[in-house]
Amino acid sequence: QGQDVSVILDLKEKTPINRINVSCLQNSYSWILMPAKVIFYSSEDGISYTLLKEISNVTDPKADGAVIANFTALFENTQARFIKVVCASQGDLPAWHHAAGNKSFIFADEIVIE
């Protein structure tokens, strides 16, 4: 709540990467918003990371009910041992929200690497 989701995945060896997908859920009434953006990084050593792609959220935060969105990055000629995924928090709930000013949640379901 009120913070980014940051995950580092160790693929155990240098592996070709063609696609990374992160599935997220939004239910704004329950204080759950999509991440502001999802950022993908790669690394060979787990220490120094290179930005692969950044995807901004396009889901309307006022959408009713449960909404699922996929943040998908496609790659060509990319290899990595480590993948870092950061789902950036929206921060506080906006002024129009019934709980405005409270910190929002991020719900990330799956990270799939192909």
PDB file of N, CA and C in Angstrom:
ATOM      1  N   GLN A   1       0.847  -1.171   0.000  1.00  0.00           N
ATOM      2  CA  GLN A   1       0.000   0.000   0.000  1.00  0.00           C
ATOM      3  C   GLN A   1       0.893   1.235   0.000  1.00  0.00           C
ATOM      4  N   GLY A   2       0.699   2.093  -1.011  1.00  0.00           N
ATOM      5  CA  GLY A   2       1.444   3.334  -1.084  1.00  0.00           C
ATOM      6  C   GLY A   2       2.886   3.202  -1.520  1.00  0.00           C
ATOM      7  N   GLN A   3       3.257   2.048  -2.050  1.00  0.00           N
ATOM      8  CA  GLN A   3       4.639   1.870  -2.507  1.00  0.00           C
ATOM      9  C   GLN A   3       4.679   1.061  -3.797  1.00  0.00           C
ATOM     10  N   ASP A   4       5.831   1.136  -4.471  1.00  0.00           N
ATOM     11  CA  ASP A   4       6.026   0.379  -5.703  1.00  0.00           C
ATOM     12  C   ASP A   4       6.122  -1.113  -5.401  1.00  0.00           C
ATOM     13  N   VAL A   5       5.776  -1.924  -6.395  1.00  0.00           N
ATOM     14  CA  VAL A   5       6.052  -3.353  -6.355  1.00  0.00           C
ATOM     15  C   VAL A   5       7.324  -3.554  -7.169  1.00  0.00           C
ATOM     16  N   SER A   6       8.333  -4.140  -6.569  1.00  0.00           N
ATOM     17  CA  SER A   6       9.610  -4.359  -7.252  1.00  0.00           C
ATOM     18  C   SER A   6      10.000  -5.827  -7.087  1.00  0.00           C
ATOM     19  N   VAL A   7      10.205  -6.502  -8.231  1.00  0.00           N
ATOM     20  CA  VAL A   7      10.494  -7.937  -8.228  1.00  0.00           C
ATOM     21  C   VAL A   7      11.732  -8.191  -9.082  1.00  0.00           C
ATOM     22  N   ILE A   8      12.647  -9.000  -8.554  1.00  0.00           N
ATOM     23  CA  ILE A   8      13.810  -9.436  -9.335  1.00  0.00           C
ATOM     24  C   ILE A   8      13.698 -10.936  -9.523  1.00  0.00           C
ATOM     25  N   LEU A   9      13.757 -11.375 -10.771  1.00  0.00           N
ATOM     26  CA  LEU A   9      13.664 -12.790 -11.115  1.00  0.00           C
ATOM     27  C   LEU A   9      15.025 -13.269 -11.611  1.00  0.00           C
ATOM     28  N   ASP A  10      15.518 -14.353 -11.034  1.00  0.00           N
ATOM     29  CA  ASP A  10      16.782 -14.956 -11.439  1.00  0.00           C
ATOM     30  C   ASP A  10      16.463 -16.156 -12.324  1.00  0.00           C
ATOM     31  N   LEU A  11      16.826 -16.070 -13.593  1.00  0.00           N
ATOM     32  CA  LEU A  11      16.571 -17.149 -14.552  1.00  0.00           C
ATOM     33  C   LEU A  11      17.668 -18.219 -14.510  1.00  0.00           C
ATOM     34  N   LYS A  12      18.626 -18.057 -13.615  1.00  0.00           N
ATOM     35  CA  LYS A  12      19.713 -19.014 -13.339  1.00  0.00           C
ATOM     36  C   LYS A  12      20.810 -19.058 -14.408  1.00  0.00           C
ATOM     37  N   GLU A  13      20.484 -18.638 -15.624  1.00  0.00           N
ATOM     38  CA  GLU A  13      21.499 -18.555 -16.685  1.00  0.00           C
ATOM     39  C   GLU A  13      21.030 -17.552 -17.721  1.00  0.00           C
ATOM     40  N   LYS A  14      21.962 -17.084 -18.531  1.00  0.00           N
ATOM     41  CA  LYS A  14      21.632 -16.138 -19.593  1.00  0.00           C
ATOM     42  C   LYS A  14      20.621 -16.792 -20.533  1.00  0.00           C
ATOM     43  N   THR A  15      19.474 -16.133 -20.709  1.00  0.00           N
ATOM     44  CA  THR A  15      18.338 -16.715 -21.416  1.00  0.00           C
ATOM     45  C   THR A  15      17.793 -15.722 -22.437  1.00  0.00           C
ATOM     46  N   PRO A  16      17.437 -16.172 -23.643  1.00  0.00           N
ATOM     47  CA  PRO A  16      16.782 -15.269 -24.600  1.00  0.00           C
ATOM     48  C   PRO A  16      15.409 -14.834 -24.068  1.00  0.00           C
ATOM     49  N   ILE A  17      15.118 -13.545 -24.199  1.00  0.00           N
ATOM     50  CA  ILE A  17      13.847 -12.976 -23.731  1.00  0.00           C
ATOM     51  C   ILE A  17      13.139 -12.371 -24.936  1.00  0.00           C
ATOM     52  N   ASN A  18      11.899 -12.805 -25.185  1.00  0.00           N
ATOM     53  CA  ASN A  18      11.106 -12.253 -26.288  1.00  0.00           C
ATOM     54  C   ASN A  18       9.923 -11.419 -25.806  1.00  0.00           C
ATOM     55  N   ARG A  19       9.460 -11.746 -24.587  1.00  0.00           N
ATOM     56  CA  ARG A  19       8.227 -11.112 -24.105  1.00  0.00           C
ATOM     57  C   ARG A  19       8.180 -11.207 -22.591  1.00  0.00           C
ATOM     58  N   ILE A  20       7.733 -10.116 -21.956  1.00  0.00           N
ATOM     59  CA  ILE A  20       7.450 -10.135 -20.522  1.00  0.00           C
ATOM     60  C   ILE A  20       6.058  -9.533 -20.347  1.00  0.00           C
ATOM     61  N   ASN A  21       5.228 -10.208 -19.576  1.00  0.00           N
ATOM     62  CA  ASN A  21       3.876  -9.734 -19.322  1.00  0.00           C
ATOM     63  C   ASN A  21       3.615  -9.684 -17.820  1.00  0.00           C
ATOM     64  N   VAL A  22       3.025  -8.589 -17.377  1.00  0.00           N
ATOM     65  CA  VAL A  22       2.586  -8.447 -15.990  1.00  0.00           C
ATOM     66  C   VAL A  22       1.088  -8.181 -16.026  1.00  0.00           C
ATOM     67  N   SER A  23       0.334  -8.994 -15.310  1.00  0.00           N
ATOM     68  CA  SER A  23      -1.116  -8.855 -15.219  1.00  0.00           C
ATOM     69  C   SER A  23      -1.455  -8.154 -13.909  1.00  0.00           C
ATOM     70  N   CYS A  24      -2.266  -7.091 -13.999  1.00  0.00           N
ATOM     71  CA  CYS A  24      -2.655  -6.328 -12.810  1.00  0.00           C
ATOM     72  C   CYS A  24      -4.165  -6.176 -12.744  1.00  0.00           C
ATOM     73  N   LEU A  25      -4.645  -6.002 -11.528  1.00  0.00           N
ATOM     74  CA  LEU A  25      -6.071  -5.838 -11.293  1.00  0.00           C
ATOM     75  C   LEU A  25      -6.327  -4.460 -10.693  1.00  0.00           C
ATOM     76  N   GLN A  26      -7.446  -3.855 -11.101  1.00  0.00           N
ATOM     77  CA  GLN A  26      -7.880  -2.593 -10.510  1.00  0.00           C
ATOM     78  C   GLN A  26      -9.315  -2.743 -10.017  1.00  0.00           C
ATOM     79  N   ASN A  27      -9.559  -2.242  -8.839  1.00  0.00           N
ATOM     80  CA  ASN A  27     -10.916  -2.088  -8.314  1.00  0.00           C
ATOM     81  C   ASN A  27     -10.851  -0.835  -7.452  1.00  0.00           C
ATOM     82  N   SER A  28     -11.085   0.307  -8.078  1.00  0.00           N
ATOM     83  CA  SER A  28     -10.818   1.583  -7.420  1.00  0.00           C
ATOM     84  C   SER A  28     -11.649   1.783  -6.155  1.00  0.00           C
ATOM     85  N   TYR A  29     -12.867   1.244  -6.117  1.00  0.00           N
ATOM     86  CA  TYR A  29     -13.684   1.386  -4.913  1.00  0.00           C
ATOM     87  C   TYR A  29     -12.972   0.767  -3.702  1.00  0.00           C
ATOM     88  N   SER A  30     -12.226  -0.303  -3.945  1.00  0.00           N
ATOM     89  CA  SER A  30     -11.482  -0.994  -2.881  1.00  0.00           C
ATOM     90  C   SER A  30     -10.059  -0.471  -2.718  1.00  0.00           C
ATOM     91  N   TRP A  31      -9.777   0.691  -3.290  1.00  0.00           N
ATOM     92  CA  TRP A  31      -8.492   1.385  -3.175  1.00  0.00           C
ATOM     93  C   TRP A  31      -7.385   0.765  -4.031  1.00  0.00           C
ATOM     94  N   ILE A  32      -7.734  -0.138  -4.934  1.00  0.00           N
ATOM     95  CA  ILE A  32      -6.748  -0.824  -5.775  1.00  0.00           C
ATOM     96  C   ILE A  32      -6.715  -0.143  -7.135  1.00  0.00           C
ATOM     97  N   LEU A  33      -5.577   0.457  -7.479  1.00  0.00           N
ATOM     98  CA  LEU A  33      -5.410   1.117  -8.769  1.00  0.00           C
ATOM     99  C   LEU A  33      -4.326   0.416  -9.575  1.00  0.00           C
ATOM    100  N   MET A  34      -4.409   0.582 -10.903  1.00  0.00           N
ATOM    101  CA  MET A  34      -3.333   0.091 -11.759  1.00  0.00           C
ATOM    102  C   MET A  34      -2.051   0.838 -11.395  1.00  0.00           C
ATOM    103  N   PRO A  35      -0.907   0.228 -11.636  1.00  0.00           N
ATOM    104  CA  PRO A  35       0.329   0.983 -11.452  1.00  0.00           C
ATOM    105  C   PRO A  35       0.358   2.159 -12.428  1.00  0.00           C
ATOM    106  N   ALA A  36       1.020   3.224 -12.047  1.00  0.00           N
ATOM    107  CA  ALA A  36       1.164   4.383 -12.943  1.00  0.00           C
ATOM    108  C   ALA A  36       1.909   3.972 -14.209  1.00  0.00           C
ATOM    109  N   LYS A  37       2.885   3.081 -14.030  1.00  0.00           N
ATOM    110  CA  LYS A  37       3.647   2.523 -15.147  1.00  0.00           C
ATOM    111  C   LYS A  37       4.329   1.260 -14.670  1.00  0.00           C
ATOM    112  N   VAL A  38       4.723   0.435 -15.636  1.00  0.00           N
ATOM    113  CA  VAL A  38       5.500  -0.773 -15.345  1.00  0.00           C
ATOM    114  C   VAL A  38       6.816  -0.640 -16.100  1.00  0.00           C
ATOM    115  N   ILE A  39       7.909  -0.870 -15.388  1.00  0.00           N
ATOM    116  CA  ILE A  39       9.249  -0.697 -15.955  1.00  0.00           C
ATOM    117  C   ILE A  39       9.969  -2.038 -15.903  1.00  0.00           C
ATOM    118  N   PHE A  40      10.581  -2.404 -17.031  1.00  0.00           N
ATOM    119  CA  PHE A  40      11.297  -3.667 -17.163  1.00  0.00           C
ATOM    120  C   PHE A  40      12.791  -3.389 -17.329  1.00  0.00           C
ATOM    121  N   TYR A  41      13.603  -4.137 -16.574  1.00  0.00           N
ATOM    122  CA  TYR A  41      15.061  -4.024 -16.644  1.00  0.00           C
ATOM    123  C   TYR A  41      15.660  -5.416 -16.833  1.00  0.00           C
ATOM    124  N   SER A  42      16.894  -5.447 -17.373  1.00  0.00           N
ATOM    125  CA  SER A  42      17.627  -6.716 -17.486  1.00  0.00           C
ATOM    126  C   SER A  42      19.016  -6.539 -16.885  1.00  0.00           C
ATOM    127  N   SER A  43      19.609  -7.690 -16.518  1.00  0.00           N
ATOM    128  CA  SER A  43      20.959  -7.677 -15.959  1.00  0.00           C
ATOM    129  C   SER A  43      21.631  -9.014 -16.222  1.00  0.00           C
ATOM    130  N   GLU A  44      22.925  -8.965 -16.353  1.00  0.00           N
ATOM    131  CA  GLU A  44      23.725 -10.186 -16.474  1.00  0.00           C
ATOM    132  C   GLU A  44      24.249 -10.634 -15.106  1.00  0.00           C
ATOM    133  N   ASP A  45      24.449  -9.656 -14.194  1.00  0.00           N
ATOM    134  CA  ASP A  45      25.091  -9.966 -12.917  1.00  0.00           C
ATOM    135  C   ASP A  45      24.205  -9.753 -11.682  1.00  0.00           C
ATOM    136  N   GLY A  46      23.014  -9.211 -11.855  1.00  0.00           N
ATOM    137  CA  GLY A  46      22.122  -8.962 -10.733  1.00  0.00           C
ATOM    138  C   GLY A  46      22.469  -7.708  -9.941  1.00  0.00           C
ATOM    139  N   ILE A  47      23.446  -6.947 -10.421  1.00  0.00           N
ATOM    140  CA  ILE A  47      23.871  -5.718  -9.742  1.00  0.00           C
ATOM    141  C   ILE A  47      23.597  -4.496 -10.607  1.00  0.00           C
ATOM    142  N   SER A  48      24.059  -4.562 -11.843  1.00  0.00           N
ATOM    143  CA  SER A  48      23.899  -3.460 -12.788  1.00  0.00           C
ATOM    144  C   SER A  48      22.753  -3.788 -13.748  1.00  0.00           C
ATOM    145  N   TYR A  49      21.722  -2.935 -13.779  1.00  0.00           N
ATOM    146  CA  TYR A  49      20.534  -3.189 -14.600  1.00  0.00           C
ATOM    147  C   TYR A  49      20.415  -2.181 -15.733  1.00  0.00           C
ATOM    148  N   THR A  50      19.888  -2.654 -16.865  1.00  0.00           N
ATOM    149  CA  THR A  50      19.661  -1.833 -18.049  1.00  0.00           C
ATOM    150  C   THR A  50      18.157  -1.743 -18.306  1.00  0.00           C
ATOM    151  N   LEU A  51      17.690  -0.534 -18.563  1.00  0.00           N
ATOM    152  CA  LEU A  51      16.275  -0.332 -18.877  1.00  0.00           C
ATOM    153  C   LEU A  51      15.944  -1.017 -20.197  1.00  0.00           C
ATOM    154  N   LEU A  52      14.912  -1.864 -20.179  1.00  0.00           N
ATOM    155  CA  LEU A  52      14.444  -2.513 -21.402  1.00  0.00           C
ATOM    156  C   LEU A  52      13.243  -1.785 -21.994  1.00  0.00           C
ATOM    157  N   LYS A  53      12.265  -1.492 -21.132  1.00  0.00           N
ATOM    158  CA  LYS A  53      11.032  -0.874 -21.620  1.00  0.00           C
ATOM    159  C   LYS A  53      10.245  -0.315 -20.440  1.00  0.00           C
ATOM    160  N   GLU A  54       9.494   0.741 -20.733  1.00  0.00           N
ATOM    161  CA  GLU A  54       8.610   1.360 -19.753  1.00  0.00           C
ATOM    162  C   GLU A  54       7.236   1.494 -20.399  1.00  0.00           C
ATOM    163  N   ILE A  55       6.213   1.011 -19.717  1.00  0.00           N
ATOM    164  CA  ILE A  55       4.851   1.051 -20.254  1.00  0.00           C
ATOM    165  C   ILE A  55       3.967   1.826 -19.288  1.00  0.00           C
ATOM    166  N   SER A  56       3.349   2.899 -19.785  1.00  0.00           N
ATOM    167  CA  SER A  56       2.451   3.716 -18.967  1.00  0.00           C
ATOM    168  C   SER A  56       1.064   3.098 -18.908  1.00  0.00           C
ATOM    169  N   ASN A  57       0.395   3.315 -17.799  1.00  0.00           N
ATOM    170  CA  ASN A  57      -0.970   2.845 -17.621  1.00  0.00           C
ATOM    171  C   ASN A  57      -1.930   3.660 -18.486  1.00  0.00           C
ATOM    172  N   VAL A  58      -2.898   2.976 -19.113  1.00  0.00           N
ATOM    173  CA  VAL A  58      -3.924   3.659 -19.904  1.00  0.00           C
ATOM    174  C   VAL A  58      -5.336   3.375 -19.375  1.00  0.00           C
ATOM    175  N   THR A  59      -5.432   2.625 -18.277  1.00  0.00           N
ATOM    176  CA  THR A  59      -6.731   2.272 -17.706  1.00  0.00           C
ATOM    177  C   THR A  59      -7.287   3.455 -16.914  1.00  0.00           C
ATOM    178  N   ASP A  60      -8.542   3.773 -17.144  1.00  0.00           N
ATOM    179  CA  ASP A  60      -9.210   4.857 -16.428  1.00  0.00           C
ATOM    180  C   ASP A  60      -9.359   4.468 -14.952  1.00  0.00           C
ATOM    181  N   PRO A  61      -8.825   5.260 -14.025  1.00  0.00           N
ATOM    182  CA  PRO A  61      -8.941   4.909 -12.611  1.00  0.00           C
ATOM    183  C   PRO A  61     -10.377   4.966 -12.095  1.00  0.00           C
ATOM    184  N   LYS A  62     -11.268   5.610 -12.835  1.00  0.00           N
ATOM    185  CA  LYS A  62     -12.672   5.701 -12.430  1.00  0.00           C
ATOM    186  C   LYS A  62     -13.514   4.538 -12.965  1.00  0.00           C
ATOM    187  N   ALA A  63     -12.907   3.598 -13.675  1.00  0.00           N
ATOM    188  CA  ALA A  63     -13.654   2.455 -14.229  1.00  0.00           C
ATOM    189  C   ALA A  63     -14.329   1.683 -13.099  1.00  0.00           C
ATOM    190  N   ASP A  64     -15.584   1.285 -13.339  1.00  0.00           N
ATOM    191  CA  ASP A  64     -16.350   0.556 -12.328  1.00  0.00           C
ATOM    192  C   ASP A  64     -15.929  -0.908 -12.238  1.00  0.00           C
ATOM    193  N   GLY A  65     -15.984  -1.450 -11.027  1.00  0.00           N
ATOM    194  CA  GLY A  65     -15.756  -2.871 -10.818  1.00  0.00           C
ATOM    195  C   GLY A  65     -14.306  -3.283 -10.997  1.00  0.00           C
ATOM    196  N   ALA A  66     -14.140  -4.595 -11.126  1.00  0.00           N
ATOM    197  CA  ALA A  66     -12.805  -5.174 -11.297  1.00  0.00           C
ATOM    198  C   ALA A  66     -12.382  -5.075 -12.754  1.00  0.00           C
ATOM    199  N   VAL A  67     -11.194  -4.563 -12.970  1.00  0.00           N
ATOM    200  CA  VAL A  67     -10.628  -4.422 -14.309  1.00  0.00           C
ATOM    201  C   VAL A  67      -9.260  -5.094 -14.297  1.00  0.00           C
ATOM    202  N   ILE A  68      -8.985  -5.915 -15.302  1.00  0.00           N
ATOM    203  CA  ILE A  68      -7.679  -6.564 -15.439  1.00  0.00           C
ATOM    204  C   ILE A  68      -6.984  -5.987 -16.663  1.00  0.00           C
ATOM    205  N   ALA A  69      -5.714  -5.665 -16.518  1.00  0.00           N
ATOM    206  CA  ALA A  69      -4.921  -5.147 -17.643  1.00  0.00           C
ATOM    207  C   ALA A  69      -3.586  -5.866 -17.674  1.00  0.00           C
ATOM    208  N   ASN A  70      -3.089  -6.060 -18.881  1.00  0.00           N
ATOM    209  CA  ASN A  70      -1.777  -6.659 -19.088  1.00  0.00           C
ATOM    210  C   ASN A  70      -0.801  -5.600 -19.555  1.00  0.00           C
ATOM    211  N   PHE A  71       0.349  -5.565 -18.943  1.00  0.00           N
ATOM    212  CA  PHE A  71       1.439  -4.694 -19.349  1.00  0.00           C
ATOM    213  C   PHE A  71       2.452  -5.610 -20.020  1.00  0.00           C
ATOM    214  N   THR A  72       2.521  -5.549 -21.348  1.00  0.00           N
ATOM    215  CA  THR A  72       3.321  -6.492 -22.126  1.00  0.00           C
ATOM    216  C   THR A  72       4.429  -5.772 -22.881  1.00  0.00           C
ATOM    217  N   ALA A  73       5.650  -6.251 -22.713  1.00  0.00           N
ATOM    218  CA  ALA A  73       6.809  -5.715 -23.422  1.00  0.00           C
ATOM    219  C   ALA A  73       7.346  -6.801 -24.347  1.00  0.00           C
ATOM    220  N   LEU A  74       7.565  -6.429 -25.605  1.00  0.00           N
ATOM    221  CA  LEU A  74       8.122  -7.357 -26.600  1.00  0.00           C
ATOM    222  C   LEU A  74       9.560  -6.954 -26.909  1.00  0.00           C
ATOM    223  N   PHE A  75      10.405  -7.955 -27.132  1.00  0.00           N
ATOM    224  CA  PHE A  75      11.827  -7.702 -27.353  1.00  0.00           C
ATOM    225  C   PHE A  75      12.354  -8.531 -28.518  1.00  0.00           C
ATOM    226  N   GLU A  76      13.406  -8.011 -29.130  1.00  0.00           N
ATOM    227  CA  GLU A  76      14.150  -8.760 -30.147  1.00  0.00           C
ATOM    228  C   GLU A  76      15.611  -8.773 -29.732  1.00  0.00           C
ATOM    229  N   ASN A  77      16.256  -9.896 -29.924  1.00  0.00           N
ATOM    230  CA  ASN A  77      17.689 -10.034 -29.642  1.00  0.00           C
ATOM    231  C   ASN A  77      18.072  -9.605 -28.230  1.00  0.00           C
ATOM    232  N   THR A  78      17.289 -10.029 -27.252  1.00  0.00           N
ATOM    233  CA  THR A  78      17.562  -9.675 -25.859  1.00  0.00           C
ATOM    234  C   THR A  78      17.825 -10.940 -25.060  1.00  0.00           C
ATOM    235  N   GLN A  79      18.894 -10.898 -24.267  1.00  0.00           N
ATOM    236  CA  GLN A  79      19.216 -12.005 -23.370  1.00  0.00           C
ATOM    237  C   GLN A  79      19.527 -11.435 -21.996  1.00  0.00           C
ATOM    238  N   ALA A  80      19.178 -12.179 -20.978  1.00  0.00           N
ATOM    239  CA  ALA A  80      19.456 -11.733 -19.610  1.00  0.00           C
ATOM    240  C   ALA A  80      19.400 -12.917 -18.664  1.00  0.00           C
ATOM    241  N   ARG A  81      20.096 -12.776 -17.555  1.00  0.00           N
ATOM    242  CA  ARG A  81      19.948 -13.760 -16.478  1.00  0.00           C
ATOM    243  C   ARG A  81      18.928 -13.253 -15.457  1.00  0.00           C
ATOM    244  N   PHE A  82      18.972 -11.958 -15.170  1.00  0.00           N
ATOM    245  CA  PHE A  82      18.067 -11.352 -14.196  1.00  0.00           C
ATOM    246  C   PHE A  82      17.104 -10.398 -14.891  1.00  0.00           C
ATOM    247  N   ILE A  83      15.868 -10.423 -14.464  1.00  0.00           N
ATOM    248  CA  ILE A  83      14.844  -9.486 -14.931  1.00  0.00           C
ATOM    249  C   ILE A  83      14.288  -8.781 -13.700  1.00  0.00           C
ATOM    250  N   LYS A  84      14.246  -7.464 -13.784  1.00  0.00           N
ATOM    251  CA  LYS A  84      13.646  -6.674 -12.713  1.00  0.00           C
ATOM    252  C   LYS A  84      12.385  -6.011 -13.261  1.00  0.00           C
ATOM    253  N   VAL A  85      11.290  -6.140 -12.512  1.00  0.00           N
ATOM    254  CA  VAL A  85      10.012  -5.542 -12.895  1.00  0.00           C
ATOM    255  C   VAL A  85       9.589  -4.601 -11.774  1.00  0.00           C
ATOM    256  N   VAL A  86       9.299  -3.352 -12.131  1.00  0.00           N
ATOM    257  CA  VAL A  86       8.842  -2.367 -11.159  1.00  0.00           C
ATOM    258  C   VAL A  86       7.471  -1.867 -11.585  1.00  0.00           C
ATOM    259  N   CYS A  87       6.482  -2.059 -10.712  1.00  0.00           N
ATOM    260  CA  CYS A  87       5.142  -1.505 -10.909  1.00  0.00           C
ATOM    261  C   CYS A  87       5.068  -0.262 -10.031  1.00  0.00           C
ATOM    262  N   ALA A  88       5.067   0.908 -10.673  1.00  0.00           N
ATOM    263  CA  ALA A  88       5.126   2.175  -9.947  1.00  0.00           C
ATOM    264  C   ALA A  88       3.763   2.550  -9.363  1.00  0.00           C
ATOM    265  N   SER A  89       3.751   2.867  -8.092  1.00  0.00           N
ATOM    266  CA  SER A  89       2.519   3.207  -7.379  1.00  0.00           C
ATOM    267  C   SER A  89       1.896   4.498  -7.909  1.00  0.00           C
ATOM    268  N   GLN A  90       0.575   4.555  -7.860  1.00  0.00           N
ATOM    269  CA  GLN A  90      -0.152   5.795  -8.177  1.00  0.00           C
ATOM    270  C   GLN A  90      -0.066   6.769  -7.007  1.00  0.00           C
ATOM    271  N   GLY A  91       0.372   6.279  -5.848  1.00  0.00           N
ATOM    272  CA  GLY A  91       0.467   7.133  -4.668  1.00  0.00           C
ATOM    273  C   GLY A  91      -0.870   7.230  -3.955  1.00  0.00           C
ATOM    274  N   ASP A  92      -1.199   8.422  -3.498  1.00  0.00           N
ATOM    275  CA  ASP A  92      -2.448   8.639  -2.778  1.00  0.00           C
ATOM    276  C   ASP A  92      -3.643   8.568  -3.717  1.00  0.00           C
ATOM    277  N   LEU A  93      -4.772   8.144  -3.173  1.00  0.00           N
ATOM    278  CA  LEU A  93      -6.014   8.116  -3.952  1.00  0.00           C
ATOM    279  C   LEU A  93      -6.398   9.552  -4.320  1.00  0.00           C
ATOM    280  N   PRO A  94      -6.860   9.771  -5.562  1.00  0.00           N
ATOM    281  CA  PRO A  94      -7.134  11.128  -6.053  1.00  0.00           C
ATOM    282  C   PRO A  94      -8.331  11.801  -5.363  1.00  0.00           C
ATOM    283  N   ALA A  95      -8.469  13.099  -5.582  1.00  0.00           N
ATOM    284  CA  ALA A  95      -9.497  13.925  -4.932  1.00  0.00           C
ATOM    285  C   ALA A  95     -10.916  13.427  -5.178  1.00  0.00           C
ATOM    286  N   TRP A  96     -11.205  12.837  -6.332  1.00  0.00           N
ATOM    287  CA  TRP A  96     -12.558  12.379  -6.660  1.00  0.00           C
ATOM    288  C   TRP A  96     -12.943  11.089  -5.917  1.00  0.00           C
ATOM    289  N   HIS A  97     -11.967  10.393  -5.374  1.00  0.00           N
ATOM    290  CA  HIS A  97     -12.208   9.085  -4.739  1.00  0.00           C
ATOM    291  C   HIS A  97     -12.848   9.265  -3.357  1.00  0.00           C
ATOM    292  N   HIS A  98     -13.725   8.330  -2.959  1.00  0.00           N
ATOM    293  CA  HIS A  98     -14.397   8.417  -1.653  1.00  0.00           C
ATOM    294  C   HIS A  98     -13.421   8.337  -0.474  1.00  0.00           C
ATOM    295  N   ALA A  99     -12.210   7.810  -0.702  1.00  0.00           N
ATOM    296  CA  ALA A  99     -11.189   7.729   0.345  1.00  0.00           C
ATOM    297  C   ALA A  99      -9.963   8.565  -0.030  1.00  0.00           C
ATOM    298  N   ALA A 100     -10.210   9.682  -0.695  1.00  0.00           N
ATOM    299  CA  ALA A 100      -9.126  10.544  -1.187  1.00  0.00           C
ATOM    300  C   ALA A 100      -8.085  10.817  -0.097  1.00  0.00           C
ATOM    301  N   GLY A 101      -6.826  10.776  -0.535  1.00  0.00           N
ATOM    302  CA  GLY A 101      -5.723  11.058   0.372  1.00  0.00           C
ATOM    303  C   GLY A 101      -5.112   9.824   1.010  1.00  0.00           C
ATOM    304  N   ASN A 102      -5.847   8.723   1.045  1.00  0.00           N
ATOM    305  CA  ASN A 102      -5.285   7.473   1.539  1.00  0.00           C
ATOM    306  C   ASN A 102      -4.405   6.845   0.465  1.00  0.00           C
ATOM    307  N   LYS A 103      -3.498   5.990   0.870  1.00  0.00           N
ATOM    308  CA  LYS A 103      -2.577   5.362  -0.080  1.00  0.00           C
ATOM    309  C   LYS A 103      -3.272   4.230  -0.836  1.00  0.00           C
ATOM    310  N   SER A 104      -3.021   4.192  -2.140  1.00  0.00           N
ATOM    311  CA  SER A 104      -3.623   3.152  -2.994  1.00  0.00           C
ATOM    312  C   SER A 104      -2.805   1.863  -2.931  1.00  0.00           C
ATOM    313  N   PHE A 105      -3.441   0.776  -3.348  1.00  0.00           N
ATOM    314  CA  PHE A 105      -2.810  -0.540  -3.443  1.00  0.00           C
ATOM    315  C   PHE A 105      -2.501  -0.864  -4.898  1.00  0.00           C
ATOM    316  N   ILE A 106      -1.527  -1.751  -5.125  1.00  0.00           N
ATOM    317  CA  ILE A 106      -1.277  -2.371  -6.431  1.00  0.00           C
ATOM    318  C   ILE A 106      -1.484  -3.872  -6.256  1.00  0.00           C
ATOM    319  N   PHE A 107      -2.285  -4.462  -7.139  1.00  0.00           N
ATOM    320  CA  PHE A 107      -2.438  -5.917  -7.168  1.00  0.00           C
ATOM    321  C   PHE A 107      -1.851  -6.422  -8.483  1.00  0.00           C
ATOM    322  N   ALA A 108      -0.706  -7.112  -8.406  1.00  0.00           N
ATOM    323  CA  ALA A 108      -0.083  -7.735  -9.579  1.00  0.00           C
ATOM    324  C   ALA A 108      -0.279  -9.245  -9.449  1.00  0.00           C
ATOM    325  N   ASP A 109      -0.795  -9.858 -10.498  1.00  0.00           N
ATOM    326  CA  ASP A 109      -1.166 -11.263 -10.458  1.00  0.00           C
ATOM    327  C   ASP A 109      -0.023 -12.169 -10.901  1.00  0.00           C
ATOM    328  N   GLU A 110       0.456 -11.993 -12.110  1.00  0.00           N
ATOM    329  CA  GLU A 110       1.474 -12.877 -12.686  1.00  0.00           C
ATOM    330  C   GLU A 110       2.520 -12.077 -13.419  1.00  0.00           C
ATOM    331  N   ILE A 111       3.721 -12.616 -13.434  1.00  0.00           N
ATOM    332  CA  ILE A 111       4.779 -12.133 -14.314  1.00  0.00           C
ATOM    333  C   ILE A 111       5.171 -13.333 -15.164  1.00  0.00           C
ATOM    334  N   VAL A 112       5.007 -13.204 -16.477  1.00  0.00           N
ATOM    335  CA  VAL A 112       5.338 -14.294 -17.397  1.00  0.00           C
ATOM    336  C   VAL A 112       6.474 -13.816 -18.305  1.00  0.00           C
ATOM    337  N   ILE A 113       7.522 -14.629 -18.364  1.00  0.00           N
ATOM    338  CA  ILE A 113       8.672 -14.330 -19.230  1.00  0.00           C
ATOM    339  C   ILE A 113       8.756 -15.425 -20.269  1.00  0.00           C
ATOM    340  N   GLU A 114       8.801 -15.018 -21.509  1.00  0.00           N
ATOM    341  CA  GLU A 114       8.932 -15.989 -22.613  1.00  0.00           C
ATOM    342  C   GLU A 114      10.195 -15.682 -23.402  1.00  0.00           C
TER     343      GLU A 114
END
